[in-house]
Structures are given as C-alpha cells and as structure tokens.
Amino acid sequence: MKAIYKIAILSLLTSCFELSQQEKTKDVYTALDIQPSFDKSIESTFFVQGSWPNPTWWEEFHSPILSQLIEASITNNPTLHVLQARIMEAQSIAYQARAKLFPWLSLQGDDDLRLLSKHEFNHILNPTLPLHGYQADLLLSLNYEFDFWNKNRNLFHAAIGKTKAEEAELAFVTLLITSALAQNYFTLVIDHAKQELFLKLNAIQKERLTLQYAMEKSALASKLPSLLDEELYNMTKQALYVIQEEIEIRTHAVNVLIGRSPDHPIAIDEIATTLPPLALPLDLSVELLSRRPDLHAALWRIESFAYEISAAKAEFLPNVNLVALGGYASVQFATLFRSSSKHLGIAPAFTLPLFTGGSIRAHVKQKEALFQQAVFQYNETLLQSIQEVCDVLSHMRSSFAQKLLQQDTVTRANERLILIEKNQLGGLESTFANLIYQDALLQESLKDLALLNTEYTLTCKLIQALGGGFMSASPLKESHP
C-alpha cells in the first residue's frame, strides 16, 4: 500500500506541472469560415468541387520541362540544403535530450606516481607512510538521474517538437520555391510568345511607316501620320527591349532556384492557352489547418514550448541522482586485479532548491512568454493563410472572367481582319486598313497573353495557398508516450 501511495503522490505532483490540452489551446484560433469565398468561386463556373492538390502538383500542367526543373530545384536548391541541415541539427539535439533518460556508464583508469612532502598532513599523522606513492585505479562508474517529475522526458518531447517544426518548415519552403519556379517558368514561356508578337507588330508598323513616307513624298498625305507612326514604332521597339530584359531576368530566377548559374540556357515547351476549371476541396475551411506546412510548423513550436514550461516547473522539485563506482584500486600494479583490490561505492544524492533568488520562477515565466509568442504567431499565420486563400480566389474570379472576355475580343478582332482581307482582294480596302487591323489583332493578342500569364500565376499561388499537397494531423491533437 505504501508503494501505491508513493506512486500516486508522484503522479499527482507530475500532473500539476503538465499543461492540459485546454491550457495549450486556450488562445489558439480554430478553423475560420471561408465558405462565402468558396461558394462564390464555385458559382463562377471557373472552379469545380474536387480534391486537394497532389504532392506532385506541377505534373498537372503536363509540362515535362517544368517537371524536370522542379525536381532539379528540390535536389539542388541551397536554401533547402540549409533547412535539411537544420533538421539534422534538431534531430541531434533531440537525441542528446533522450540520452538523459538513460543511465550513463563510463570507464576510467588512473596510474599516478607521487612524491609526498614530509610536512604533508597525511605523513605527519602516519610517519611510516612512504614518501614515494603509487596509485593505480580502474573503475566503472554509473550516473543516473531519476526523472520522477518528467523534466528530462518533457525536454525530449520539446526537442522532438522543434524537429517536427523544422521538417514542416522545410516542406513550406519547398512549396514556396517550387511555386516560385513554376510562376517564373510560365512567365518565361509567355514572354517568349509576347516577344514573337512584338516582332510581328514591329514589322507591321515598319511596313506602314514605309507606306506613309511614300505617300508623304508623293504629297498624298501630311507629315502628321508619319510622326504618329514613328512614335508607335519606337514604342514597340522599347517594348522589345523590355520583354528581352524580362526574359533574361526570368531565366536568372529559374536557374538560381535550381541552384545553377543564372545564365544557363533554359529550354521551354508549349503550354495550354486555356486552363480547365480548377478544383476546390469541399472541406476547404475545416481541412486547411492540416494542409498548410507553415501552420504545422507554428503548431509544433507551440507544442514544444508547452513541454518546456512543464520541464521548467519541475526545477522546483528535488533532483535525485545516483552515482555508483565499481572496479579495482591498488598501490601496486601487480595487485590491481586481485579480489582484495576491489573498490565499490554508491552515492545516492538529491538537491532541493530552497532559495534561488527567483531564478526558477523567472525561467518558468520566460518559457510561458515564449509559449504565448508561439500561440500568437500561429494565430497571425492562420489569419494570413486564410486571407491568402480568399484573396487568390477573388483575383482568380476576376482574372478568369477578364480572360474569357478577352478571348472573345481576340476572336472578333481576327474576324474583322478576315473581312478586311476579303475586301482588300475585292479592291474595297487598302493595304493601310489591312495593316491597321493586323496591328489591332496583335495588340489584343498581347493583352490575352498577359491575362494568361496572370491565370498561371494565380493558379500556382492557389496551389501554394492550399498547401501544395501537404497533409499531416494537428500536433496539438497528438499524444506522446
């Protein structure tokens, strides 16, 4: 019965210092409702109810080159290498914390030759003691700290939490890098298409300017149209410089994300000019918490600091240690391993802090403050992630609607050009009219490409906002043995 009482008292004392689930989650925001944004998006016909993004979401774009680039970035990106090293560091710290849960054994040996003083205290008490002393020791020592209050176990779980946070941080940064790479790649592909259109536009404007010069020379037109066409021609040449600059910058960005020289040439392939309706998960509001790696990193930090609070509170209680020694000791090496040279010792000890000048209480307060910081940082991250999803959905509804209208505009501009070409063959329209309508078609096509780029960019951002295929249970719901 006494043993049962002792165990009950120990359990009661330990539970007093453990944070309950309610204390951990008291100030933590739960899932926020974004159903209105979901409903508006589904009603817009640009979205359909579907599943969450796949972990290899970039394969949905059916671009082999993009897939190769993203796989290369996951392997070679130096930022990811840094985070992987941090995970290894956190794992090592966790192993060190776990080691304190076990007894420590060590073997030590001494071989000392000493010259004693005649006036030394031991020699005065025992004058027959030789002045030349020899001592040989070979001892096995055991040191064990009894973790009655789960201090070391809580520190171990705190280290595990920090490791999990680093792993989630790696997943989040990987998502950021792959999303940024996809956005830059799509912009690069579309910039090349824009460059081709600008070259065509420049050639048309040059041809029109040549006709204007001829008409001006023949006194069939004033100089004013030529001046206007020269201005448009120069503006297009400026746009070509800008688009070339954009292509080079996007090339640099893609290469750096892959971890190679910025000037490395990048092959491009064709991409779809129209994106299919995008899938939105029906459980968007509820499951978003388990799909965002940045939220999981923040939750694991909360869990880690909760364990550190419990460990800090345990410092108020006695620290119980056991030190045991066993081996051989002799003043002569020849007799060291005899049974008469055996040396045994055991030294249980405890330390109970009575007055520390408020150090322990301040340590607990520090851990509680760090815990509160982690909670509020999580809340801020949650709000930002919810806003990110809602903002992207709003932008996409607007952009997709504009793209649909712009496609209709391009179609009508093309139809006008076809009619003009027919009229020109019948002698009803001039070459000038044909060139003007070609110019208009190219201008509208450039606007269409700009909206297509926006669609691809927003699609990548939506995938990023939805977690990019990440999935894990909430750490605050998990229990540790």
Protein backbone atom coordinates (compact mmCIF):
# COMPACT_ATOMS: atom_id res chain seq x y z
CA MET A 1 0.00 0.00 0.00
CA LYS A 2 2.85 2.39 0.82
CA ALA A 3 4.25 1.86 -2.67
CA ILE A 4 0.85 2.64 -4.20
CA TYR A 5 0.61 5.84 -2.14
CA LYS A 6 4.09 6.91 -3.23
CA ILE A 7 3.27 6.31 -6.89
CA ALA A 8 0.02 8.24 -6.52
CA ILE A 9 1.82 11.19 -4.90
CA LEU A 10 4.46 11.21 -7.64
CA SER A 11 1.79 11.11 -10.34
CA LEU A 12 -0.12 13.94 -8.65
CA LEU A 13 2.97 16.14 -8.39
CA THR A 14 3.91 15.42 -12.01
CA SER A 15 0.43 16.19 -13.32
CA CYS A 16 0.44 19.54 -11.53
CA PHE A 17 3.25 20.73 -13.79
CA GLU A 18 1.90 19.32 -17.08
CA LEU A 19 -0.09 21.69 -19.31
CA SER A 20 -3.54 20.34 -20.06
CA GLN A 21 -4.96 20.24 -23.56
CA GLN A 22 -7.26 23.10 -22.63
CA GLU A 23 -4.32 25.24 -21.45
CA LYS A 24 -2.42 24.54 -24.65
CA THR A 25 -5.29 25.51 -26.94
CA LYS A 26 -6.93 28.25 -24.86
CA ASP A 27 -5.78 31.14 -27.08
CA VAL A 28 -5.21 29.15 -30.28
CA TYR A 29 -7.50 30.12 -33.16
CA THR A 30 -9.54 27.30 -34.64
CA ALA A 31 -10.56 26.98 -38.29
CA LEU A 32 -12.08 30.15 -39.71
CA ASP A 33 -15.06 30.09 -42.04
CA ILE A 34 -14.33 30.94 -45.68
CA GLN A 35 -17.47 29.32 -47.07
CA PRO A 36 -18.67 32.56 -48.77
CA SER A 37 -15.49 32.74 -50.87
CA PHE A 38 -15.85 29.05 -51.68
CA ASP A 39 -19.49 29.46 -52.76
CA LYS A 40 -18.72 32.49 -54.94
CA SER A 41 -15.90 30.62 -56.65
CA ILE A 42 -18.00 27.52 -57.38
CA GLU A 43 -20.82 29.67 -58.73
CA SER A 44 -18.43 31.46 -61.10
CA THR A 45 -18.04 28.28 -63.25
CA PHE A 46 -14.25 28.75 -63.22
CA PHE A 47 -13.97 26.25 -60.35
CA VAL A 48 -15.36 22.81 -59.61
CA GLN A 49 -15.62 20.81 -56.41
CA GLY A 50 -12.69 18.46 -56.23
CA SER A 51 -9.77 17.25 -54.16
CA TRP A 52 -6.77 18.95 -52.61
CA PRO A 53 -3.60 19.45 -54.68
CA ASN A 54 -1.32 16.47 -55.18
CA PRO A 55 2.20 16.48 -53.70
CA THR A 56 3.50 16.50 -57.30
CA TRP A 57 1.02 19.19 -58.37
CA TRP A 58 3.28 20.53 -61.14
CA GLU A 59 2.63 17.36 -63.17
CA GLU A 60 -0.97 18.56 -63.65
CA PHE A 61 0.35 21.17 -66.12
CA HIS A 62 1.67 18.39 -68.42
CA SER A 63 4.96 20.17 -69.00
CA PRO A 64 7.92 17.73 -68.98
CA ILE A 65 10.44 20.56 -68.87
CA LEU A 66 8.73 22.17 -65.86
CA SER A 67 8.71 18.82 -64.05
CA GLN A 68 12.44 18.39 -64.70
CA LEU A 69 13.20 21.91 -63.46
CA ILE A 70 11.18 21.49 -60.25
CA GLU A 71 12.73 18.10 -59.49
CA ALA A 72 16.17 19.65 -60.02
CA SER A 73 15.32 22.53 -57.65
CA ILE A 74 14.19 20.11 -54.92
CA THR A 75 17.51 18.29 -55.25
CA ASN A 76 19.92 21.20 -55.72
CA ASN A 77 18.45 24.33 -54.14
CA PRO A 78 20.92 25.57 -51.47
CA THR A 79 18.17 27.02 -49.26
CA LEU A 80 16.64 23.55 -48.98
CA HIS A 81 20.09 22.15 -48.14
CA VAL A 82 20.34 24.64 -45.27
CA LEU A 83 16.94 23.57 -43.92
CA GLN A 84 17.87 19.90 -44.24
CA ALA A 85 20.99 20.61 -42.18
CA ARG A 86 18.82 22.35 -39.57
CA ILE A 87 16.67 19.23 -39.35
CA MET A 88 19.79 17.14 -38.75
CA GLU A 89 20.85 19.59 -36.05
CA ALA A 90 17.42 19.44 -34.38
CA GLN A 91 17.44 15.64 -34.54
CA SER A 92 20.86 15.56 -32.90
CA ILE A 93 19.63 17.84 -30.11
CA ALA A 94 16.65 15.52 -29.61
CA TYR A 95 18.98 12.51 -29.36
CA GLN A 96 21.03 14.38 -26.77
CA ALA A 97 17.88 15.12 -24.77
CA ARG A 98 16.80 11.48 -24.98
CA ALA A 99 20.20 10.33 -23.69
CA LYS A 100 19.43 11.90 -20.29
CA LEU A 101 16.61 9.38 -19.81
CA PHE A 102 19.16 6.53 -19.54
CA PRO A 103 22.00 5.70 -17.14
CA TRP A 104 25.43 6.90 -18.20
CA LEU A 105 28.32 4.43 -17.90
CA SER A 106 31.98 5.33 -18.14
CA LEU A 107 35.27 3.53 -17.63
CA GLN A 108 38.14 5.46 -16.14
CA GLY A 109 41.71 4.45 -15.31
CA ASP A 110 44.46 6.26 -13.40
CA ASP A 111 48.13 5.45 -12.94
CA ASP A 112 49.69 8.03 -10.60
CA LEU A 113 53.21 8.27 -9.23
CA ARG A 114 53.53 10.86 -6.44
CA LEU A 115 56.30 12.34 -4.29
CA LEU A 116 54.87 13.30 -0.89
CA SER A 117 56.13 16.04 1.40
CA LYS A 118 57.41 15.20 4.89
CA HIS A 119 55.31 18.01 6.22
CA GLU A 120 52.10 16.92 4.49
CA PHE A 121 49.22 16.34 6.85
CA ASN A 122 48.79 12.65 5.98
CA HIS A 123 52.52 11.97 6.51
CA ILE A 124 52.56 13.74 9.88
CA LEU A 125 49.70 11.52 11.08
CA ASN A 126 51.39 8.42 9.68
CA PRO A 127 55.20 8.89 9.66
CA THR A 128 55.72 5.37 8.33
CA LEU A 129 53.95 6.32 5.10
CA PRO A 130 56.46 6.15 2.21
CA LEU A 131 57.31 9.45 0.60
CA HIS A 132 57.07 7.87 -2.83
CA GLY A 133 53.43 6.98 -3.55
CA TYR A 134 51.92 4.93 -6.36
CA GLN A 135 48.22 4.54 -7.10
CA ALA A 136 46.52 2.55 -9.89
CA ASP A 137 42.74 2.69 -10.43
CA LEU A 138 40.42 1.03 -12.94
CA LEU A 139 36.82 1.95 -12.20
CA LEU A 140 33.44 1.62 -13.90
CA SER A 141 31.13 4.48 -12.96
CA LEU A 142 27.36 4.75 -13.33
CA ASN A 143 25.46 8.02 -13.17
CA TYR A 144 21.67 8.15 -13.35
CA GLU A 145 19.23 10.96 -12.78
CA PHE A 146 15.80 9.76 -11.66
CA ASP A 147 13.27 11.58 -13.80
CA PHE A 148 10.45 11.50 -11.23
CA TRP A 149 8.92 14.76 -12.47
CA ASN A 150 9.31 14.08 -16.21
CA LYS A 151 11.67 17.00 -16.60
CA ASN A 152 14.04 15.21 -18.97
CA ARG A 153 11.18 13.47 -20.77
CA ASN A 154 9.47 16.81 -21.36
CA LEU A 155 12.72 18.30 -22.67
CA PHE A 156 12.99 15.32 -25.01
CA HIS A 157 9.44 15.90 -26.32
CA ALA A 158 10.21 19.61 -26.68
CA ALA A 159 13.22 18.73 -28.84
CA ILE A 160 11.03 16.40 -30.91
CA GLY A 161 8.58 19.28 -31.42
CA LYS A 162 11.34 21.55 -32.67
CA THR A 163 12.48 18.82 -35.07
CA LYS A 164 8.94 18.45 -36.39
CA ALA A 165 8.70 22.23 -36.76
CA GLU A 166 11.89 22.25 -38.84
CA GLU A 167 10.53 19.43 -41.02
CA ALA A 168 7.31 21.37 -41.61
CA GLU A 169 9.37 24.49 -42.34
CA LEU A 170 11.29 22.53 -44.96
CA ALA A 171 8.01 21.44 -46.57
CA PHE A 172 6.78 25.04 -46.60
CA VAL A 173 9.96 26.49 -48.11
CA THR A 174 9.98 23.68 -50.69
CA LEU A 175 6.45 24.70 -51.63
CA LEU A 176 7.47 28.36 -51.90
CA ILE A 177 10.45 27.52 -54.09
CA THR A 178 8.60 25.15 -56.43
CA SER A 179 5.69 27.58 -56.73
CA ALA A 180 8.03 30.48 -57.48
CA LEU A 181 9.87 28.37 -60.05
CA ALA A 182 6.62 27.41 -61.79
CA GLN A 183 5.46 31.03 -61.88
CA ASN A 184 8.77 32.21 -63.32
CA TYR A 185 8.80 29.40 -65.87
CA PHE A 186 5.27 30.14 -67.12
CA THR A 187 6.09 33.84 -67.32
CA LEU A 188 9.25 32.97 -69.28
CA VAL A 189 7.28 30.85 -71.77
CA ILE A 190 4.65 33.57 -72.22
CA ASP A 191 7.33 36.25 -72.53
CA HIS A 192 8.81 34.35 -75.47
CA ALA A 193 5.35 34.28 -77.06
CA LYS A 194 4.98 38.01 -76.40
CA GLN A 195 8.37 38.63 -77.99
CA GLU A 196 7.22 36.93 -81.19
CA LEU A 197 4.07 39.08 -81.28
CA PHE A 198 6.05 42.25 -80.65
CA LEU A 199 8.40 41.36 -83.53
CA LYS A 200 5.40 40.89 -85.82
CA LEU A 201 3.91 44.14 -84.58
CA ASN A 202 7.19 45.93 -85.18
CA ALA A 203 7.37 44.59 -88.75
CA ILE A 204 3.78 45.70 -89.46
CA GLN A 205 4.43 49.16 -88.06
CA LYS A 206 7.61 49.44 -90.11
CA GLU A 207 5.73 48.49 -93.27
CA ARG A 208 3.01 51.02 -92.50
CA LEU A 209 5.63 53.69 -91.80
CA THR A 210 7.27 52.96 -95.18
CA LEU A 211 3.92 53.48 -96.92
CA GLN A 212 3.38 56.71 -95.01
CA TYR A 213 6.77 58.01 -96.16
CA ALA A 214 5.89 57.15 -99.75
CA MET A 215 2.52 58.91 -99.51
CA GLU A 216 4.13 61.91 -97.84
CA LYS A 217 6.77 62.09 -100.59
CA SER A 218 4.04 61.96 -103.24
CA ALA A 219 2.13 64.73 -101.43
CA LEU A 220 -0.78 62.35 -100.81
CA ALA A 221 -0.59 62.79 -97.03
CA SER A 222 0.78 65.24 -94.50
CA LYS A 223 3.70 64.59 -92.18
CA LEU A 224 1.43 64.15 -89.14
CA PRO A 225 0.53 60.46 -89.77
CA SER A 226 4.23 59.67 -90.25
CA LEU A 227 5.07 61.28 -86.91
CA LEU A 228 2.37 59.26 -85.16
CA ASP A 229 3.51 56.01 -86.77
CA GLU A 230 7.14 56.75 -85.86
CA GLU A 231 6.06 57.19 -82.26
CA LEU A 232 4.21 53.85 -82.28
CA TYR A 233 7.16 52.15 -83.98
CA ASN A 234 9.59 53.40 -81.32
CA MET A 235 7.23 52.38 -78.52
CA THR A 236 7.16 48.84 -79.89
CA LYS A 237 10.96 48.77 -80.12
CA GLN A 238 11.07 49.88 -76.48
CA ALA A 239 8.67 47.08 -75.59
CA LEU A 240 11.02 44.62 -77.29
CA TYR A 241 13.87 45.78 -75.07
CA VAL A 242 11.64 45.43 -72.02
CA ILE A 243 10.48 41.94 -72.95
CA GLN A 244 14.08 40.83 -73.62
CA GLU A 245 15.06 42.16 -70.20
CA GLU A 246 12.12 40.29 -68.67
CA ILE A 247 13.17 37.04 -70.39
CA GLU A 248 16.72 37.36 -69.07
CA ILE A 249 15.55 38.15 -65.53
CA ARG A 250 13.13 35.20 -65.52
CA THR A 251 15.90 32.95 -66.83
CA HIS A 252 18.16 34.10 -63.99
CA ALA A 253 15.41 33.48 -61.43
CA VAL A 254 14.67 29.95 -62.65
CA ASN A 255 18.35 29.00 -62.74
CA VAL A 256 19.06 30.33 -59.25
CA LEU A 257 16.07 28.43 -57.84
CA ILE A 258 17.58 25.29 -59.39
CA GLY A 259 20.96 26.11 -57.87
CA ARG A 260 22.96 26.75 -61.02
CA SER A 261 24.47 29.66 -62.97
CA PRO A 262 21.93 32.43 -63.78
CA ASP A 263 22.94 32.48 -67.47
CA HIS A 264 22.38 28.77 -68.07
CA PRO A 265 20.10 28.37 -71.12
CA ILE A 266 16.58 27.09 -70.41
CA ALA A 267 14.52 25.13 -72.89
CA ILE A 268 10.79 25.84 -72.99
CA ASP A 269 7.82 23.87 -74.22
CA GLU A 270 4.31 24.79 -75.22
CA ILE A 271 1.70 25.37 -72.54
CA ALA A 272 -2.07 25.34 -72.69
CA THR A 273 -3.63 28.64 -73.75
CA THR A 274 -6.75 27.89 -71.71
CA LEU A 275 -6.77 26.40 -68.22
CA PRO A 276 -9.52 23.95 -67.27
CA PRO A 277 -11.80 24.69 -64.28
CA LEU A 278 -9.76 24.41 -61.09
CA ALA A 279 -10.68 22.02 -58.29
CA LEU A 280 -11.61 23.39 -54.88
CA PRO A 281 -11.96 20.94 -51.96
CA LEU A 282 -15.37 20.91 -50.34
CA ASP A 283 -13.85 20.81 -46.83
CA LEU A 284 -11.73 23.90 -47.50
CA SER A 285 -12.49 25.72 -44.23
CA VAL A 286 -12.10 22.67 -42.00
CA GLU A 287 -9.09 20.91 -43.53
CA LEU A 288 -6.94 23.93 -44.35
CA LEU A 289 -5.23 23.67 -40.94
CA SER A 290 -3.94 20.19 -41.75
CA ARG A 291 -2.85 21.15 -45.27
CA ARG A 292 -0.58 24.12 -44.65
CA PRO A 293 3.01 23.27 -43.64
CA ASP A 294 3.61 26.77 -42.23
CA LEU A 295 0.66 26.30 -39.85
CA HIS A 296 2.05 22.93 -38.78
CA ALA A 297 5.45 24.44 -38.09
CA ALA A 298 3.79 27.05 -35.86
CA LEU A 299 1.71 24.39 -34.05
CA TRP A 300 4.76 22.25 -33.37
CA ARG A 301 6.50 25.26 -31.83
CA ILE A 302 3.50 25.73 -29.52
CA GLU A 303 3.72 22.07 -28.54
CA SER A 304 7.47 22.33 -27.96
CA PHE A 305 7.21 25.37 -25.69
CA ALA A 306 4.38 23.71 -23.74
CA TYR A 307 6.74 20.85 -22.84
CA GLU A 308 9.49 23.32 -21.96
CA ILE A 309 7.12 25.02 -19.49
CA SER A 310 6.49 21.69 -17.78
CA ALA A 311 10.23 20.98 -17.65
CA ALA A 312 10.95 24.43 -16.18
CA LYS A 313 8.33 23.95 -13.44
CA ALA A 314 9.93 20.64 -12.47
CA GLU A 315 13.00 22.57 -11.30
CA PHE A 316 11.05 23.49 -8.15
CA LEU A 317 11.16 19.80 -7.08
CA PRO A 318 14.08 17.70 -5.81
CA ASN A 319 16.65 16.46 -8.27
CA VAL A 320 17.56 12.86 -7.36
CA ASN A 321 20.79 11.28 -8.67
CA LEU A 322 22.55 8.01 -8.20
CA VAL A 323 26.31 7.62 -8.63
CA ALA A 324 27.89 4.17 -8.35
CA LEU A 325 31.52 3.12 -8.72
CA GLY A 326 32.96 -0.34 -9.08
CA GLY A 327 36.39 -1.62 -10.04
CA TYR A 328 39.90 -2.05 -8.74
CA ALA A 329 42.32 0.17 -6.84
CA SER A 330 45.83 -0.64 -5.65
CA VAL A 331 49.12 0.98 -4.72
CA GLN A 332 50.86 -1.66 -6.79
CA PHE A 333 50.00 -2.55 -10.36
CA ALA A 334 50.79 -6.21 -9.74
CA THR A 335 47.99 -6.50 -7.19
CA LEU A 336 45.48 -4.36 -9.10
CA PHE A 337 43.27 -7.21 -10.32
CA ARG A 338 43.21 -9.22 -7.10
CA SER A 339 39.95 -9.68 -5.29
CA SER A 340 41.36 -7.79 -2.33
CA SER A 341 41.77 -4.72 -4.60
CA LYS A 342 38.09 -4.44 -5.39
CA HIS A 343 36.64 -1.00 -4.92
CA LEU A 344 32.87 -0.39 -4.65
CA GLY A 345 30.90 2.72 -3.88
CA ILE A 346 27.38 4.04 -4.18
CA ALA A 347 26.28 7.62 -3.58
CA PRO A 348 22.60 8.50 -3.91
CA ALA A 349 22.02 12.24 -3.66
CA PHE A 350 19.29 14.79 -4.02
CA THR A 351 19.18 18.54 -4.47
CA LEU A 352 16.19 20.60 -3.39
CA PRO A 353 16.29 24.29 -4.33
CA LEU A 354 15.27 26.36 -1.32
CA PHE A 355 16.27 29.84 -2.37
CA THR A 356 17.41 30.75 -5.90
CA GLY A 357 16.68 34.47 -5.92
CA GLY A 358 13.65 33.93 -8.16
CA SER A 359 15.71 32.31 -10.91
CA ILE A 360 13.46 29.26 -11.36
CA ARG A 361 10.28 31.32 -11.34
CA ALA A 362 11.79 33.70 -13.89
CA HIS A 363 12.78 30.74 -16.04
CA VAL A 364 9.18 29.47 -15.97
CA LYS A 365 7.90 32.95 -16.87
CA GLN A 366 10.32 33.08 -19.78
CA LYS A 367 9.04 29.77 -21.15
CA GLU A 368 5.44 30.90 -20.70
CA ALA A 369 6.20 34.09 -22.62
CA LEU A 370 7.77 32.08 -25.45
CA PHE A 371 4.71 29.84 -25.46
CA GLN A 372 2.41 32.86 -25.77
CA GLN A 373 4.55 34.26 -28.58
CA ALA A 374 4.26 30.96 -30.43
CA VAL A 375 0.48 30.93 -29.96
CA PHE A 376 0.00 34.46 -31.27
CA GLN A 377 2.42 33.88 -34.14
CA TYR A 378 0.34 30.85 -35.09
CA ASN A 379 -2.84 32.93 -34.97
CA GLU A 380 -1.23 35.55 -37.19
CA THR A 381 -0.06 32.86 -39.64
CA LEU A 382 -3.56 31.36 -39.69
CA LEU A 383 -5.17 34.71 -40.46
CA GLN A 384 -2.64 35.40 -43.20
CA SER A 385 -3.18 31.98 -44.76
CA ILE A 386 -6.96 32.40 -44.74
CA GLN A 387 -6.59 35.87 -46.27
CA GLU A 388 -4.20 34.43 -48.86
CA VAL A 389 -6.78 31.86 -49.97
CA CYS A 390 -9.63 34.40 -50.11
CA ASP A 391 -7.51 36.98 -51.94
CA VAL A 392 -6.33 34.48 -54.54
CA LEU A 393 -9.89 33.26 -55.15
CA SER A 394 -11.06 36.86 -55.60
CA HIS A 395 -8.24 37.64 -58.03
CA MET A 396 -8.89 34.43 -59.96
CA ARG A 397 -12.62 35.04 -60.35
CA SER A 398 -11.86 38.49 -61.76
CA SER A 399 -8.91 37.40 -63.91
CA PHE A 400 -10.66 34.37 -65.39
CA ALA A 401 -13.71 36.47 -66.26
CA GLN A 402 -11.48 39.07 -67.94
CA LYS A 403 -9.63 36.33 -69.82
CA LEU A 404 -12.91 34.95 -71.14
CA LEU A 405 -13.95 38.37 -72.40
CA GLN A 406 -10.50 38.99 -73.88
CA GLN A 407 -10.65 35.72 -75.79
CA ASP A 408 -13.92 36.91 -77.32
CA THR A 409 -12.27 40.23 -78.19
CA VAL A 410 -9.37 38.43 -79.91
CA THR A 411 -11.84 36.30 -81.85
CA ARG A 412 -13.73 39.37 -83.05
CA ALA A 413 -10.51 41.18 -83.97
CA ASN A 414 -9.48 38.15 -86.03
CA GLU A 415 -12.86 38.07 -87.76
CA ARG A 416 -12.53 41.77 -88.62
CA LEU A 417 -9.11 41.11 -90.13
CA ILE A 418 -10.50 38.27 -92.25
CA LEU A 419 -13.25 40.56 -93.58
CA ILE A 420 -10.73 43.31 -94.33
CA GLU A 421 -8.54 40.85 -96.25
CA LYS A 422 -11.55 39.75 -98.32
CA ASN A 423 -12.49 43.36 -99.02
CA GLN A 424 -8.89 44.10 -99.94
CA LEU A 425 -8.91 41.30 -102.50
CA GLY A 426 -12.07 42.85 -103.96
CA GLY A 427 -10.46 46.26 -104.08
CA LEU A 428 -12.72 47.66 -101.38
CA GLU A 429 -10.00 48.21 -98.75
CA SER A 430 -6.43 49.48 -98.85
CA THR A 431 -3.22 47.98 -97.53
CA PHE A 432 -3.31 50.63 -94.81
CA ALA A 433 -6.59 49.26 -93.47
CA ASN A 434 -5.20 45.73 -93.51
CA LEU A 435 -2.12 46.79 -91.55
CA ILE A 436 -4.24 48.70 -89.02
CA TYR A 437 -6.41 45.65 -88.34
CA GLN A 438 -3.36 43.39 -88.10
CA ASP A 439 -1.96 45.83 -85.55
CA ALA A 440 -5.22 45.75 -83.57
CA LEU A 441 -5.28 41.94 -83.57
CA LEU A 442 -1.72 41.74 -82.29
CA GLN A 443 -2.44 44.30 -79.56
CA GLU A 444 -5.44 42.31 -78.35
CA SER A 445 -3.41 39.09 -78.52
CA LEU A 446 -0.76 40.67 -76.29
CA LYS A 447 -3.46 41.56 -73.76
CA ASP A 448 -4.70 37.98 -73.93
CA LEU A 449 -1.20 36.64 -73.21
CA ALA A 450 -0.87 39.00 -70.23
CA LEU A 451 -4.12 37.63 -68.78
CA LEU A 452 -2.98 34.07 -69.50
CA ASN A 453 0.18 34.76 -67.52
CA THR A 454 -1.96 36.08 -64.67
CA GLU A 455 -4.06 32.90 -64.77
CA TYR A 456 -0.99 30.66 -64.50
CA THR A 457 0.49 32.81 -61.73
CA LEU A 458 -2.73 32.79 -59.70
CA THR A 459 -3.15 29.05 -60.22
CA CYS A 460 0.31 28.45 -58.74
CA LYS A 461 -0.50 30.81 -55.87
CA LEU A 462 -3.76 28.97 -55.17
CA ILE A 463 -1.91 25.64 -55.07
CA GLN A 464 0.57 27.24 -52.68
CA ALA A 465 -2.23 28.68 -50.53
CA LEU A 466 -3.84 25.24 -50.32
CA GLY A 467 -0.62 23.64 -49.08
CA GLY A 468 0.68 22.08 -52.29
CA GLY A 469 -0.29 18.53 -51.32
CA PHE A 470 1.00 18.66 -47.72
CA MET A 471 -1.01 16.59 -45.25
CA SER A 472 -0.47 15.89 -41.56
CA ALA A 473 -2.50 15.60 -38.37
CA SER A 474 -2.52 18.55 -35.98
CA PRO A 475 0.29 18.18 -33.41
CA LEU A 476 -1.90 19.55 -30.60
CA LYS A 477 -4.15 16.54 -31.01
CA GLU A 478 -1.34 14.00 -30.78
CA SER A 479 -0.31 12.44 -27.51
CA HIS A 480 3.18 11.34 -26.56
CA PRO A 481 4.00 8.27 -24.51
